[in-house]
């Protein structure tokens, strides 16, 4: 009887653990909506990759990247991460941190 009880408890625990494990791992896939480059007056460029999960990935001239999340905006597209903000409106964009503008540029026409 004791042996049966031990196996029953062991089987119950394993069945409980198995039911908590997903059969197939979730596949977080996002698609790129657009990838554009903004250029400042001093010829510095920031690449912006907009995705369908309401994020933008910015690549700065020094190679650093940052992912920001879509936020409420009266006009244009505004993305934030803590005190960092990317604001794009009518072909112009600014990147600021702590309300200080770090980058301001215009949409670069695609090369053909």
PDB file of N, CA and C in Angstrom:
ATOM      1  N   UNK A   1       0.816  -1.195   0.000  1.00  0.00           N
ATOM      2  CA  UNK A   1       0.000   0.000   0.000  1.00  0.00           C
ATOM      3  C   UNK A   1       0.861   1.261   0.000  1.00  0.00           C
ATOM      4  N   UNK A   2       1.949   1.223   0.831  1.00  0.00           N
ATOM      5  CA  UNK A   2       2.828   2.385   0.890  1.00  0.00           C
ATOM      6  C   UNK A   2       3.482   2.638  -0.465  1.00  0.00           C
ATOM      7  N   UNK A   3       3.859   1.573  -1.142  1.00  0.00           N
ATOM      8  CA  UNK A   3       4.490   1.706  -2.448  1.00  0.00           C
ATOM      9  C   UNK A   3       3.519   2.322  -3.454  1.00  0.00           C
ATOM     10  N   UNK A   4       2.278   1.872  -3.424  1.00  0.00           N
ATOM     11  CA  UNK A   4       1.262   2.438  -4.306  1.00  0.00           C
ATOM     12  C   UNK A   4       1.074   3.926  -4.030  1.00  0.00           C
ATOM     13  N   UNK A   5       1.031   4.317  -2.774  1.00  0.00           N
ATOM     14  CA  UNK A   5       0.836   5.717  -2.391  1.00  0.00           C
ATOM     15  C   UNK A   5       2.008   6.575  -2.867  1.00  0.00           C
ATOM     16  N   UNK A   6       3.232   6.070  -2.739  1.00  0.00           N
ATOM     17  CA  UNK A   6       4.408   6.814  -3.205  1.00  0.00           C
ATOM     18  C   UNK A   6       4.344   7.043  -4.716  1.00  0.00           C
ATOM     19  N   UNK A   7       4.009   5.982  -5.467  1.00  0.00           N
ATOM     20  CA  UNK A   7       3.918   6.124  -6.918  1.00  0.00           C
ATOM     21  C   UNK A   7       2.768   7.036  -7.335  1.00  0.00           C
ATOM     22  N   UNK A   8       1.683   6.969  -6.603  1.00  0.00           N
ATOM     23  CA  UNK A   8       0.540   7.830  -6.902  1.00  0.00           C
ATOM     24  C   UNK A   8       0.904   9.300  -6.697  1.00  0.00           C
ATOM     25  N   UNK A   9       1.583   9.611  -5.603  1.00  0.00           N
ATOM     26  CA  UNK A   9       2.001  10.991  -5.324  1.00  0.00           C
ATOM     27  C   UNK A   9       3.007  11.448  -6.377  1.00  0.00           C
ATOM     28  N   UNK A  10       3.967  10.593  -6.703  1.00  0.00           N
ATOM     29  CA  UNK A  10       4.964  10.942  -7.715  1.00  0.00           C
ATOM     30  C   UNK A  10       4.306  11.198  -9.069  1.00  0.00           C
ATOM     31  N   UNK A  11       3.391  10.325  -9.467  1.00  0.00           N
ATOM     32  CA  UNK A  11       2.683  10.503 -10.733  1.00  0.00           C
ATOM     33  C   UNK A  11       1.863  11.794 -10.730  1.00  0.00           C
ATOM     34  N   UNK A  12       1.212  12.088  -9.629  1.00  0.00           N
ATOM     35  CA  UNK A  12       0.403  13.313  -9.523  1.00  0.00           C
ATOM     36  C   UNK A  12       1.274  14.556  -9.658  1.00  0.00           C
ATOM     37  N   UNK A  13       2.429  14.546  -9.015  1.00  0.00           N
ATOM     38  CA  UNK A  13       3.340  15.693  -9.116  1.00  0.00           C
ATOM     39  C   UNK A  13       3.850  15.869 -10.542  1.00  0.00           C
ATOM     40  N   UNK A  14       4.232  14.772 -11.180  1.00  0.00           N
ATOM     41  CA  UNK A  14       4.720  14.862 -12.557  1.00  0.00           C
ATOM     42  C   UNK A  14       3.623  15.321 -13.509  1.00  0.00           C
ATOM     43  N   UNK A  15       2.418  14.851 -13.315  1.00  0.00           N
ATOM     44  CA  UNK A  15       1.302  15.277 -14.164  1.00  0.00           C
ATOM     45  C   UNK A  15       1.019  16.761 -13.980  1.00  0.00           C
ATOM     46  N   UNK A  16       1.121  17.240 -12.752  1.00  0.00           N
ATOM     47  CA  UNK A  16       0.909  18.667 -12.485  1.00  0.00           C
ATOM     48  C   UNK A  16       1.987  19.502 -13.161  1.00  0.00           C
ATOM     49  N   UNK A  17       3.235  19.080 -13.051  1.00  0.00           N
ATOM     50  CA  UNK A  17       4.327  19.809 -13.700  1.00  0.00           C
ATOM     51  C   UNK A  17       4.179  19.800 -15.212  1.00  0.00           C
ATOM     52  N   UNK A  18       3.806  18.670 -15.770  1.00  0.00           N
ATOM     53  CA  UNK A  18       3.656  18.568 -17.224  1.00  0.00           C
ATOM     54  C   UNK A  18       2.543  19.471 -17.731  1.00  0.00           C
ATOM     55  N   UNK A  19       1.500  19.633 -16.950  1.00  0.00           N
ATOM     56  CA  UNK A  19       0.397  20.488 -17.399  1.00  0.00           C
ATOM     57  C   UNK A  19       0.768  21.963 -17.366  1.00  0.00           C
ATOM     58  N   UNK A  20       1.800  22.326 -16.613  1.00  0.00           N
ATOM     59  CA  UNK A  20       2.238  23.725 -16.545  1.00  0.00           C
ATOM     60  C   UNK A  20       3.182  24.088 -17.682  1.00  0.00           C
ATOM     61  N   UNK A  21       3.741  23.119 -18.337  1.00  0.00           N
ATOM     62  CA  UNK A  21       4.703  23.361 -19.402  1.00  0.00           C
ATOM     63  C   UNK A  21       3.975  23.471 -20.736  1.00  0.00           C
ATOM     64  N   UNK A  22       4.174  24.566 -21.479  1.00  0.00           N
ATOM     65  CA  UNK A  22       3.506  24.675 -22.780  1.00  0.00           C
ATOM     66  C   UNK A  22       4.040  23.624 -23.749  1.00  0.00           C
ATOM     67  N   UNK A  23       3.169  23.136 -24.609  1.00  0.00           N
ATOM     68  CA  UNK A  23       3.573  22.130 -25.586  1.00  0.00           C
ATOM     69  C   UNK A  23       4.499  22.719 -26.634  1.00  0.00           C
ATOM     70  N   UNK A  24       4.214  23.930 -27.060  1.00  0.00           N
ATOM     71  CA  UNK A  24       5.083  24.615 -28.013  1.00  0.00           C
ATOM     72  C   UNK A  24       5.448  25.971 -27.428  1.00  0.00           C
ATOM     73  N   UNK A  25       6.702  26.328 -27.490  1.00  0.00           N
ATOM     74  CA  UNK A  25       7.098  27.626 -26.940  1.00  0.00           C
ATOM     75  C   UNK A  25       6.487  28.760 -27.755  1.00  0.00           C
ATOM     76  N   UNK A  26       6.118  29.835 -27.079  1.00  0.00           N
ATOM     77  CA  UNK A  26       5.569  30.969 -27.823  1.00  0.00           C
ATOM     78  C   UNK A  26       6.635  31.558 -28.737  1.00  0.00           C
ATOM     79  N   UNK A  27       6.221  31.998 -29.895  1.00  0.00           N
ATOM     80  CA  UNK A  27       7.171  32.581 -30.843  1.00  0.00           C
ATOM     81  C   UNK A  27       6.864  34.064 -31.003  1.00  0.00           C
ATOM     82  N   UNK A  28       7.583  34.885 -30.256  1.00  0.00           N
ATOM     83  CA  UNK A  28       7.347  36.323 -30.360  1.00  0.00           C
ATOM     84  C   UNK A  28       7.925  36.864 -31.664  1.00  0.00           C
ATOM     85  N   UNK A  29       7.087  36.999 -32.649  1.00  0.00           N
ATOM     86  CA  UNK A  29       7.547  37.516 -33.931  1.00  0.00           C
ATOM     87  C   UNK A  29       6.928  38.876 -34.175  1.00  0.00           C
ATOM     88  N   UNK A  30       7.751  39.770 -34.618  1.00  0.00           N
ATOM     89  CA  UNK A  30       7.269  41.090 -35.003  1.00  0.00           C
ATOM     90  C   UNK A  30       7.739  41.356 -36.417  1.00  0.00           C
ATOM     91  N   UNK A  31       6.989  42.174 -37.093  1.00  0.00           N
ATOM     92  CA  UNK A  31       7.338  42.529 -38.465  1.00  0.00           C
ATOM     93  C   UNK A  31       7.761  43.986 -38.523  1.00  0.00           C
ATOM     94  N   UNK A  32       8.671  44.265 -39.425  1.00  0.00           N
ATOM     95  CA  UNK A  32       9.111  45.640 -39.646  1.00  0.00           C
ATOM     96  C   UNK A  32       8.089  46.334 -40.533  1.00  0.00           C
ATOM     97  N   UNK A  33       7.598  47.472 -40.060  1.00  0.00           N
ATOM     98  CA  UNK A  33       6.671  48.280 -40.850  1.00  0.00           C
ATOM     99  C   UNK A  33       7.460  49.149 -41.818  1.00  0.00           C
ATOM    100  N   UNK A  34       8.483  49.824 -41.285  1.00  0.00           N
ATOM    101  CA  UNK A  34       9.342  50.645 -42.146  1.00  0.00           C
ATOM    102  C   UNK A  34      10.687  50.862 -41.475  1.00  0.00           C
ATOM    103  N   UNK A  35      11.683  51.128 -42.290  1.00  0.00           N
ATOM    104  CA  UNK A  35      13.027  51.421 -41.824  1.00  0.00           C
ATOM    105  C   UNK A  35      13.495  52.660 -42.571  1.00  0.00           C
ATOM    106  N   UNK A  36      13.737  53.725 -41.820  1.00  0.00           N
ATOM    107  CA  UNK A  36      14.090  55.005 -42.437  1.00  0.00           C
ATOM    108  C   UNK A  36      15.280  55.626 -41.717  1.00  0.00           C
ATOM    109  N   UNK A  37      15.876  56.621 -42.359  1.00  0.00           N
ATOM    110  CA  UNK A  37      17.016  57.323 -41.784  1.00  0.00           C
ATOM    111  C   UNK A  37      16.712  58.808 -41.720  1.00  0.00           C
ATOM    112  N   UNK A  38      17.032  59.398 -40.579  1.00  0.00           N
ATOM    113  CA  UNK A  38      16.905  60.840 -40.384  1.00  0.00           C
ATOM    114  C   UNK A  38      18.309  61.424 -40.291  1.00  0.00           C
ATOM    115  N   UNK A  39      18.529  62.560 -40.965  1.00  0.00           N
ATOM    116  CA  UNK A  39      19.850  63.177 -41.018  1.00  0.00           C
ATOM    117  C   UNK A  39      19.756  64.587 -40.453  1.00  0.00           C
ATOM    118  N   UNK A  40      20.713  64.923 -39.576  1.00  0.00           N
ATOM    119  CA  UNK A  40      20.748  66.254 -38.968  1.00  0.00           C
ATOM    120  C   UNK A  40      21.469  67.237 -39.881  1.00  0.00           C
ATOM    121  N   UNK A  41      21.426  68.508 -39.523  1.00  0.00           N
ATOM    122  CA  UNK A  41      22.138  69.537 -40.287  1.00  0.00           C
ATOM    123  C   UNK A  41      23.646  69.291 -40.290  1.00  0.00           C
ATOM    124  N   UNK A  42      24.155  68.646 -39.230  1.00  0.00           N
ATOM    125  CA  UNK A  42      25.591  68.353 -39.158  1.00  0.00           C
ATOM    126  C   UNK A  42      25.933  67.002 -39.801  1.00  0.00           C
ATOM    127  N   UNK A  43      24.976  66.417 -40.554  1.00  0.00           N
ATOM    128  CA  UNK A  43      25.131  65.174 -41.319  1.00  0.00           C
ATOM    129  C   UNK A  43      25.211  63.925 -40.438  1.00  0.00           C
ATOM    130  N   UNK A  44      24.823  64.024 -39.178  1.00  0.00           N
ATOM    131  CA  UNK A  44      24.709  62.842 -38.325  1.00  0.00           C
ATOM    132  C   UNK A  44      23.424  62.117 -38.702  1.00  0.00           C
ATOM    133  N   UNK A  45      23.440  60.792 -38.684  1.00  0.00           N
ATOM    134  CA  UNK A  45      22.268  60.022 -39.099  1.00  0.00           C
ATOM    135  C   UNK A  45      21.796  59.102 -37.979  1.00  0.00           C
ATOM    136  N   UNK A  46      20.477  59.016 -37.836  1.00  0.00           N
ATOM    137  CA  UNK A  46      19.846  58.073 -36.914  1.00  0.00           C
ATOM    138  C   UNK A  46      18.901  57.211 -37.739  1.00  0.00           C
ATOM    139  N   UNK A  47      19.064  55.903 -37.623  1.00  0.00           N
ATOM    140  CA  UNK A  47      18.186  54.964 -38.327  1.00  0.00           C
ATOM    141  C   UNK A  47      17.047  54.586 -37.390  1.00  0.00           C
ATOM    142  N   UNK A  48      15.824  54.615 -37.908  1.00  0.00           N
ATOM    143  CA  UNK A  48      14.639  54.254 -37.128  1.00  0.00           C
ATOM    144  C   UNK A  48      13.942  53.078 -37.804  1.00  0.00           C
ATOM    145  N   UNK A  49      13.776  52.000 -37.055  1.00  0.00           N
ATOM    146  CA  UNK A  49      13.076  50.817 -37.558  1.00  0.00           C
ATOM    147  C   UNK A  49      11.778  50.693 -36.765  1.00  0.00           C
ATOM    148  N   UNK A  50      10.660  50.899 -37.464  1.00  0.00           N
ATOM    149  CA  UNK A  50       9.340  50.841 -36.836  1.00  0.00           C
ATOM    150  C   UNK A  50       8.784  49.432 -36.995  1.00  0.00           C
ATOM    151  N   UNK A  51       8.265  48.879 -35.893  1.00  0.00           N
ATOM    152  CA  UNK A  51       7.732  47.510 -35.907  1.00  0.00           C
ATOM    153  C   UNK A  51       6.249  47.502 -35.563  1.00  0.00           C
ATOM    154  N   UNK A  52       5.603  46.385 -35.920  1.00  0.00           N
ATOM    155  CA  UNK A  52       4.159  46.277 -35.699  1.00  0.00           C
ATOM    156  C   UNK A  52       3.772  46.007 -34.243  1.00  0.00           C
ATOM    157  N   UNK A  53       4.747  45.915 -33.351  1.00  0.00           N
ATOM    158  CA  UNK A  53       4.434  45.765 -31.929  1.00  0.00           C
ATOM    159  C   UNK A  53       4.501  47.107 -31.199  1.00  0.00           C
ATOM    160  N   UNK A  54       4.348  48.195 -31.970  1.00  0.00           N
ATOM    161  CA  UNK A  54       4.339  49.563 -31.432  1.00  0.00           C
ATOM    162  C   UNK A  54       5.663  49.959 -30.788  1.00  0.00           C
ATOM    163  N   UNK A  55       6.770  49.523 -31.389  1.00  0.00           N
ATOM    164  CA  UNK A  55       8.087  49.940 -30.930  1.00  0.00           C
ATOM    165  C   UNK A  55       8.875  50.521 -32.098  1.00  0.00           C
ATOM    166  N   UNK A  56       9.903  51.277 -31.743  1.00  0.00           N
ATOM    167  CA  UNK A  56      10.866  51.755 -32.730  1.00  0.00           C
ATOM    168  C   UNK A  56      12.252  51.432 -32.176  1.00  0.00           C
ATOM    169  N   UNK A  57      13.120  50.938 -33.050  1.00  0.00           N
ATOM    170  CA  UNK A  57      14.511  50.705 -32.679  1.00  0.00           C
ATOM    171  C   UNK A  57      15.344  51.778 -33.350  1.00  0.00           C
ATOM    172  N   UNK A  58      16.035  52.555 -32.538  1.00  0.00           N
ATOM    173  CA  UNK A  58      16.887  53.630 -33.051  1.00  0.00           C
ATOM    174  C   UNK A  58      18.332  53.166 -33.036  1.00  0.00           C
ATOM    175  N   UNK A  59      19.052  53.451 -34.118  1.00  0.00           N
ATOM    176  CA  UNK A  59      20.484  53.192 -34.178  1.00  0.00           C
ATOM    177  C   UNK A  59      21.170  54.532 -34.368  1.00  0.00           C
ATOM    178  N   UNK A  60      22.014  54.878 -33.402  1.00  0.00           N
ATOM    179  CA  UNK A  60      22.672  56.183 -33.383  1.00  0.00           C
ATOM    180  C   UNK A  60      24.019  56.130 -34.103  1.00  0.00           C
ATOM    181  N   UNK A  61      24.600  57.296 -34.412  1.00  0.00           N
ATOM    182  CA  UNK A  61      25.869  57.332 -35.151  1.00  0.00           C
ATOM    183  C   UNK A  61      26.999  56.540 -34.486  1.00  0.00           C
ATOM    184  N   UNK A  62      26.979  56.436 -33.152  1.00  0.00           N
ATOM    185  CA  UNK A  62      28.036  55.695 -32.456  1.00  0.00           C
ATOM    186  C   UNK A  62      27.772  54.189 -32.410  1.00  0.00           C
ATOM    187  N   UNK A  63      26.671  53.733 -33.065  1.00  0.00           N
ATOM    188  CA  UNK A  63      26.340  52.315 -33.107  1.00  0.00           C
ATOM    189  C   UNK A  63      25.420  51.854 -31.988  1.00  0.00           C
ATOM    190  N   UNK A  64      25.180  52.707 -31.035  1.00  0.00           N
ATOM    191  CA  UNK A  64      24.291  52.371 -29.914  1.00  0.00           C
ATOM    192  C   UNK A  64      22.860  52.234 -30.415  1.00  0.00           C
ATOM    193  N   UNK A  65      22.124  51.266 -29.866  1.00  0.00           N
ATOM    194  CA  UNK A  65      20.718  51.097 -30.233  1.00  0.00           C
ATOM    195  C   UNK A  65      19.843  51.274 -29.003  1.00  0.00           C
ATOM    196  N   UNK A  66      18.610  51.663 -29.261  1.00  0.00           N
ATOM    197  CA  UNK A  66      17.650  51.858 -28.179  1.00  0.00           C
ATOM    198  C   UNK A  66      16.259  51.524 -28.708  1.00  0.00           C
ATOM    199  N   UNK A  67      15.482  50.812 -27.910  1.00  0.00           N
ATOM    200  CA  UNK A  67      14.113  50.458 -28.284  1.00  0.00           C
ATOM    201  C   UNK A  67      13.158  51.269 -27.425  1.00  0.00           C
ATOM    202  N   UNK A  68      12.272  52.013 -28.092  1.00  0.00           N
ATOM    203  CA  UNK A  68      11.287  52.823 -27.393  1.00  0.00           C
ATOM    204  C   UNK A  68       9.886  52.339 -27.750  1.00  0.00           C
ATOM    205  N   UNK A  69       8.918  52.654 -26.889  1.00  0.00           N
ATOM    206  CA  UNK A  69       7.545  52.174 -27.030  1.00  0.00           C
ATOM    207  C   UNK A  69       6.621  53.337 -27.372  1.00  0.00           C
ATOM    208  N   UNK A  70       5.653  53.074 -28.250  1.00  0.00           N
ATOM    209  CA  UNK A  70       4.689  54.081 -28.678  1.00  0.00           C
ATOM    210  C   UNK A  70       3.956  54.670 -27.477  1.00  0.00           C
ATOM    211  N   UNK A  71       3.787  55.993 -27.492  1.00  0.00           N
ATOM    212  CA  UNK A  71       3.093  56.705 -26.415  1.00  0.00           C
ATOM    213  C   UNK A  71       2.035  57.612 -27.024  1.00  0.00           C
ATOM    214  N   UNK A  72       1.186  58.147 -26.180  1.00  0.00           N
ATOM    215  CA  UNK A  72       0.133  59.056 -26.634  1.00  0.00           C
ATOM    216  C   UNK A  72       0.767  60.319 -27.201  1.00  0.00           C
ATOM    217  N   UNK A  73       0.206  60.790 -28.314  1.00  0.00           N
ATOM    218  CA  UNK A  73       0.720  61.989 -28.967  1.00  0.00           C
ATOM    219  C   UNK A  73      -0.437  62.737 -29.604  1.00  0.00           C
ATOM    220  N   UNK A  74      -0.409  64.062 -29.493  1.00  0.00           N
ATOM    221  CA  UNK A  74      -1.447  64.868 -30.135  1.00  0.00           C
ATOM    222  C   UNK A  74      -1.288  64.832 -31.648  1.00  0.00           C
ATOM    223  N   UNK A  75      -0.047  64.810 -32.120  1.00  0.00           N
ATOM    224  CA  UNK A  75       0.215  64.698 -33.554  1.00  0.00           C
ATOM    225  C   UNK A  75       1.570  64.037 -33.747  1.00  0.00           C
ATOM    226  N   UNK A  76       1.721  63.366 -34.859  1.00  0.00           N
ATOM    227  CA  UNK A  76       2.963  62.657 -35.128  1.00  0.00           C
ATOM    228  C   UNK A  76       3.025  61.357 -34.349  1.00  0.00           C
ATOM    229  N   UNK A  77       4.192  60.748 -34.360  1.00  0.00           N
ATOM    230  CA  UNK A  77       4.416  59.498 -33.634  1.00  0.00           C
ATOM    231  C   UNK A  77       5.433  59.760 -32.540  1.00  0.00           C
ATOM    232  N   UNK A  78       5.074  59.406 -31.319  1.00  0.00           N
ATOM    233  CA  UNK A  78       5.925  59.662 -30.161  1.00  0.00           C
ATOM    234  C   UNK A  78       6.219  58.332 -29.480  1.00  0.00           C
ATOM    235  N   UNK A  79       7.499  58.074 -29.236  1.00  0.00           N
ATOM    236  CA  UNK A  79       7.946  56.847 -28.587  1.00  0.00           C
ATOM    237  C   UNK A  79       8.777  57.232 -27.371  1.00  0.00           C
ATOM    238  N   UNK A  80       8.640  56.488 -26.280  1.00  0.00           N
ATOM    239  CA  UNK A  80       9.339  56.834 -25.046  1.00  0.00           C
ATOM    240  C   UNK A  80       9.967  55.602 -24.397  1.00  0.00           C
ATOM    241  N   UNK A  81      10.979  55.870 -23.596  1.00  0.00           N
ATOM    242  CA  UNK A  81      11.589  54.898 -22.700  1.00  0.00           C
ATOM    243  C   UNK A  81      12.159  55.698 -21.545  1.00  0.00           C
ATOM    244  N   UNK A  82      11.502  55.618 -20.408  1.00  0.00           N
ATOM    245  CA  UNK A  82      11.868  56.406 -19.233  1.00  0.00           C
ATOM    246  C   UNK A  82      11.891  57.886 -19.617  1.00  0.00           C
ATOM    247  N   UNK A  83      13.038  58.549 -19.538  1.00  0.00           N
ATOM    248  CA  UNK A  83      13.097  59.979 -19.865  1.00  0.00           C
ATOM    249  C   UNK A  83      13.540  60.241 -21.301  1.00  0.00           C
ATOM    250  N   UNK A  84      13.673  59.194 -22.092  1.00  0.00           N
ATOM    251  CA  UNK A  84      14.083  59.340 -23.488  1.00  0.00           C
ATOM    252  C   UNK A  84      12.847  59.381 -24.382  1.00  0.00           C
ATOM    253  N   UNK A  85      12.906  60.223 -25.411  1.00  0.00           N
ATOM    254  CA  UNK A  85      11.742  60.408 -26.278  1.00  0.00           C
ATOM    255  C   UNK A  85      12.178  60.579 -27.732  1.00  0.00           C
ATOM    256  N   UNK A  86      11.491  59.873 -28.623  1.00  0.00           N
ATOM    257  CA  UNK A  86      11.664  60.006 -30.073  1.00  0.00           C
ATOM    258  C   UNK A  86      10.341  60.516 -30.611  1.00  0.00           C
ATOM    259  N   UNK A  87      10.378  61.655 -31.273  1.00  0.00           N
ATOM    260  CA  UNK A  87       9.149  62.246 -31.787  1.00  0.00           C
ATOM    261  C   UNK A  87       9.323  62.511 -33.271  1.00  0.00           C
ATOM    262  N   UNK A  88       8.475  61.905 -34.082  1.00  0.00           N
ATOM    263  CA  UNK A  88       8.540  62.057 -35.535  1.00  0.00           C
ATOM    264  C   UNK A  88       7.229  62.647 -36.016  1.00  0.00           C
ATOM    265  N   UNK A  89       7.346  63.689 -36.842  1.00  0.00           N
ATOM    266  CA  UNK A  89       6.148  64.354 -37.366  1.00  0.00           C
ATOM    267  C   UNK A  89       6.484  65.002 -38.703  1.00  0.00           C
ATOM    268  N   UNK A  90       5.746  64.630 -39.728  1.00  0.00           N
ATOM    269  CA  UNK A  90       5.864  65.209 -41.066  1.00  0.00           C
ATOM    270  C   UNK A  90       7.302  65.248 -41.578  1.00  0.00           C
ATOM    271  N   UNK A  91       7.992  64.122 -41.452  1.00  0.00           N
ATOM    272  CA  UNK A  91       9.335  64.003 -42.006  1.00  0.00           C
ATOM    273  C   UNK A  91      10.445  64.596 -41.164  1.00  0.00           C
ATOM    274  N   UNK A  92      10.146  65.034 -39.969  1.00  0.00           N
ATOM    275  CA  UNK A  92      11.171  65.547 -39.062  1.00  0.00           C
ATOM    276  C   UNK A  92      11.096  64.773 -37.753  1.00  0.00           C
ATOM    277  N   UNK A  93      12.258  64.589 -37.124  1.00  0.00           N
ATOM    278  CA  UNK A  93      12.292  63.823 -35.880  1.00  0.00           C
ATOM    279  C   UNK A  93      13.255  64.457 -34.891  1.00  0.00           C
ATOM    280  N   UNK A  94      12.932  64.285 -33.617  1.00  0.00           N
ATOM    281  CA  UNK A  94      13.834  64.713 -32.548  1.00  0.00           C
ATOM    282  C   UNK A  94      13.986  63.571 -31.555  1.00  0.00           C
ATOM    283  N   UNK A  95      15.185  63.492 -30.987  1.00  0.00           N
ATOM    284  CA  UNK A  95      15.451  62.560 -29.899  1.00  0.00           C
ATOM    285  C   UNK A  95      15.900  63.402 -28.724  1.00  0.00           C
ATOM    286  N   UNK A  96      15.234  63.221 -27.605  1.00  0.00           N
ATOM    287  CA  UNK A  96      15.601  63.992 -26.421  1.00  0.00           C
ATOM    288  C   UNK A  96      15.674  63.082 -25.207  1.00  0.00           C
ATOM    289  N   UNK A  97      16.458  63.514 -24.259  1.00  0.00           N
ATOM    290  CA  UNK A  97      16.545  62.828 -22.982  1.00  0.00           C
ATOM    291  C   UNK A  97      16.486  63.883 -21.888  1.00  0.00           C
ATOM    292  N   UNK A  98      15.668  63.637 -20.892  1.00  0.00           N
ATOM    293  CA  UNK A  98      15.435  64.596 -19.804  1.00  0.00           C
ATOM    294  C   UNK A  98      15.057  65.965 -20.360  1.00  0.00           C
ATOM    295  N   UNK A  99      14.210  65.980 -21.377  1.00  0.00           N
ATOM    296  CA  UNK A  99      13.708  67.202 -22.028  1.00  0.00           C
ATOM    297  C   UNK A  99      14.795  68.028 -22.707  1.00  0.00           C
ATOM    298  N   UNK A 100      15.942  67.450 -22.984  1.00  0.00           N
ATOM    299  CA  UNK A 100      17.011  68.132 -23.712  1.00  0.00           C
ATOM    300  C   UNK A 100      17.170  67.449 -25.068  1.00  0.00           C
ATOM    301  N   UNK A 101      17.042  68.219 -26.149  1.00  0.00           N
ATOM    302  CA  UNK A 101      17.140  67.648 -27.494  1.00  0.00           C
ATOM    303  C   UNK A 101      18.585  67.259 -27.783  1.00  0.00           C
ATOM    304  N   UNK A 102      18.766  65.993 -28.128  1.00  0.00           N
ATOM    305  CA  UNK A 102      20.083  65.442 -28.443  1.00  0.00           C
ATOM    306  C   UNK A 102      20.283  65.366 -29.952  1.00  0.00           C
ATOM    307  N   UNK A 103      19.190  65.097 -30.677  1.00  0.00           N
ATOM    308  CA  UNK A 103      19.254  64.942 -32.132  1.00  0.00           C
ATOM    309  C   UNK A 103      18.001  65.544 -32.743  1.00  0.00           C
ATOM    310  N   UNK A 104      18.184  66.256 -33.841  1.00  0.00           N
ATOM    311  CA  UNK A 104      17.060  66.752 -34.643  1.00  0.00           C
ATOM    312  C   UNK A 104      17.443  66.551 -36.099  1.00  0.00           C
ATOM    313  N   UNK A 105      16.575  65.880 -36.840  1.00  0.00           N
ATOM    314  CA  UNK A 105      16.913  65.601 -38.228  1.00  0.00           C
ATOM    315  C   UNK A 105      15.693  65.495 -39.117  1.00  0.00           C
ATOM    316  N   UNK A 106      15.973  65.421 -40.412  1.00  0.00           N
ATOM    317  CA  UNK A 106      14.920  65.308 -41.419  1.00  0.00           C
ATOM    318  C   UNK A 106      15.025  63.957 -42.100  1.00  0.00           C
ATOM    319  N   UNK A 107      13.887  63.475 -42.549  1.00  0.00           N
ATOM    320  CA  UNK A 107      13.815  62.191 -43.232  1.00  0.00           C
ATOM    321  C   UNK A 107      14.666  62.234 -44.492  1.00  0.00           C
ATOM    322  N   UNK A 108      15.550  61.262 -44.625  1.00  0.00           N
ATOM    323  CA  UNK A 108      16.400  61.174 -45.806  1.00  0.00           C
ATOM    324  C   UNK A 108      15.616  60.459 -46.897  1.00  0.00           C
ATOM    325  N   UNK A 109      15.637  61.039 -48.086  1.00  0.00           N
ATOM    326  CA  UNK A 109      14.954  60.410 -49.223  1.00  0.00           C
ATOM    327  C   UNK A 109      15.651  59.100 -49.546  1.00  0.00           C
ATOM    328  N   UNK A 110      14.886  58.050 -49.833  1.00  0.00           N
ATOM    329  CA  UNK A 110      15.513  56.767 -50.171  1.00  0.00           C
ATOM    330  C   UNK A 110      16.334  56.878 -51.451  1.00  0.00           C
ATOM    331  N   UNK A 111      17.475  56.199 -51.450  1.00  0.00           N
ATOM    332  CA  UNK A 111      18.314  56.196 -52.655  1.00  0.00           C
ATOM    333  C   UNK A 111      17.815  55.123 -53.602  1.00  0.00           C
ATOM    334  N   UNK A 112      17.940  55.385 -54.885  1.00  0.00           N
ATOM    335  CA  UNK A 112      17.429  54.430 -55.874  1.00  0.00           C
ATOM    336  C   UNK A 112      18.524  53.830 -56.688  1.00  0.00           C
TER     337      UNK A 112
END
